[in-house]
Each structure stands twice: as C-alpha cells, then as structure tokens.
Amino acid sequence: MPVAETPLLRAQNVHRILGTGDAAAHILSGVNLSIGRDEYVSIVGPSGSGKSTLLYLLGGLDRPSTSLNGRIFSPASAIFINGQDTAKLNDAELAMLRNTGPVSGEESAHLTQTVLRDNEIAVLEEITGLLKAGKNPRRILDVLQLAVAQIVLETHTPENFNMPHHCYEYHNTLAWFWDNFDHPRRLRLLLVAACFANRVAGTMIGLGDVHPQAWPAVNAGGLSQAQVLDRVDTAICALNGAESVAWTQAYCDNFSDRAPLVSRIALAATKLGNDPHNQEIAQCMLMDFGTNQMPNRDRLLLSAAYHTAMHRKYGDPLEPAKRFGRAFDMSELAA
C-alpha cells in the first residue's frame, strides 16, 4: 500500500481568537484544511470571515490560538508546514520556512571572499544578513560548496589536501542531509559548515599554501569532444593539476553537455589511486554538481579534476586499476 505524501500545508482544528474575556473575537473556529504540493486552492468568503487570518496562519506569519478560557482545544489547534508543527518552532526557525530567495552572483562572490579571507565573526554576520534578507539557506550552502572547492583549487602541496577535502566532504554530506531530512534545527549545521570552511581557509593561509591564480589556457580548437575528454583523462592520470584544470575548462568552454565530462572525471578518480577515501572526494564534488544551482557551479568540475590529480598518492597510483584490467581482460586499464 503506497505511503501518503505529506501535505505541503495542513490546518488541524485551527482556532484564532483575538482579545480576551467579553471582548474576545473568535475569528476562526475549528478549521481543517489540507493542501498538497501540486494543488491550487482558492479561499473565498464574505468580508470578515477570516480569509486573511487563515492565510497568515498558513504562511507562518501568525500562530493559532491553542485554548479558550483555559481549556486546550482537542485535537490540538495546529498548523503544519511541510509536516512541521509550527508550534514547535521558534520565531527564527519559523521564519526560515519562508526563506526561498536565490543568492545573486554578487552576494555569492562576496560570501566566498569572506569565507576565504576574513574571520569567523564576519562569516556568521554575512550569512545572518543573507538569511534576514530571505535567502534560501540551501542555496547559501551551494555557495559554501563553491568556496571550499576554491580552497581545494588554491592548494598546491599534495600533503596539505587533508583539511580542504575533508571540509568539502562535510559540505557534501550536509547537502545530502538537507535534501532528505526536514529537521527543524538543521540551520545550525549551515553555520557550522561556514565556520568549518573559514577555519580551513585560515589554516591554509597559516601553512602558506594558498595560491589563487588564473589557470593556463589550452587551445582546444579543432578538437572533438572525445579528444578533449581524452586530454582531461591524460592530464589527471599524469598527476598534472594545472593541465587537468586547463583541459576541464576547455571542455566547459567548447561543449555544453556536461554529462560526458562528469563521467570521465568520475572514472579517472575511480582508477587513479589506492586510497579509496581520497578517491571519493571527486565523486562528492560531481554529486553536488548535479544539485548545486549557482551559475558558476563548473568550479566543482574543475576542483574534482584538480583534486584527483593532486591528492597524495602511494606507490604506483594506477597499479590497482592495472591489476583489475588484467583480471577482467580490460585492455584500456591493463596497459
């Protein structure tokens, strides 16, 4: 038997009483309403019937009355937004349910710069300002992912990727959690993620391993899509971070279909290395490329290619792939 989908909005025995004692006005009395995600509903009625009051309650701008003359309504007078009882949310958490605004390119660039180069207090103040401006916290997380990807791109020493790539993995996990669980306290994890990214950026500054740069361009003129993909793979497997970024950027500049590029980087990360934990970082970035909504999300592809080429390796990084290729008679891996 299929499980019923949680309504987007649900009013349960909703009462709204204004005033007290003899002056009390019972605006709404026992309203029950359920609105699905794909439904369009009109609320009609004469002037003074409580239409606006009900809309305020459904929008989380007001809270229903829970009792009359000391007697608690049964069943409870309650509003549920996406399954969450608004009575159990504080004012800030309730306000977050209304935050759906996109983050602009200018806001994204400013937040990224603050995360990378400023202090923790400045980061928290900026995110707080974005939330107060109605920005969607999930889209703020998109920006944080790109900021951490930039930290990875600015790291040049293989032994120093530990903090940047673990930080990225946290942001990947948080995105998965955010997209799958409507926990009322999850906003706190966004602030933790921002502080984590800022601390890692500060650590890299302390290590002296911060190298913002314009990557060298390569000429892809006249090359087919397959030929450019081959050069991406060759650069990654040669452990050449700069050329990995250059050829990945060349693909993005010349071909609109990102799916073949995502597949090629994912396969390169799978075959290159004998440390599965490090190899999975690129897969996290590629996974987030599919959900990140920022216009400059190609940075995740650049970072995935770069990290795969640059993270610390042990022995012959292609040796496990070669053994696998010989065992299963796959010539492209056995060579």
Foldseek 3Di string as FASTA:
>chain_A
DDDDAAFQKWWAQFWAWPDADPPIDTLDGGDTDTHHPPDDDDDDDDPSNCPVVVVCCRLLVDFTDQAHPPHGDPPGGFMAGSNRTSVPADPLLSLLVQQDAAQDPVLLVVLLCCLQPHALVVNVVSVVVCVVVRHNLLLVLLSLLLSLLLVLVFFFAQVLCVLSLVLNVLSLVLNVCVVPDPDSPSVVVSSVSSNSSSVSSVVCVVVVRGHDDDQDADDCPPPDLVRLLVQLLVCLLVLNLSSNLRSLVVSVVPDPDCVVLLVSLLVSLVQFADPVVQSCSLVSLSVVLVVRDDPPSSSSSSSSSNSSSRHDHDDRRRVVQLVVCVVVVPVVSVD
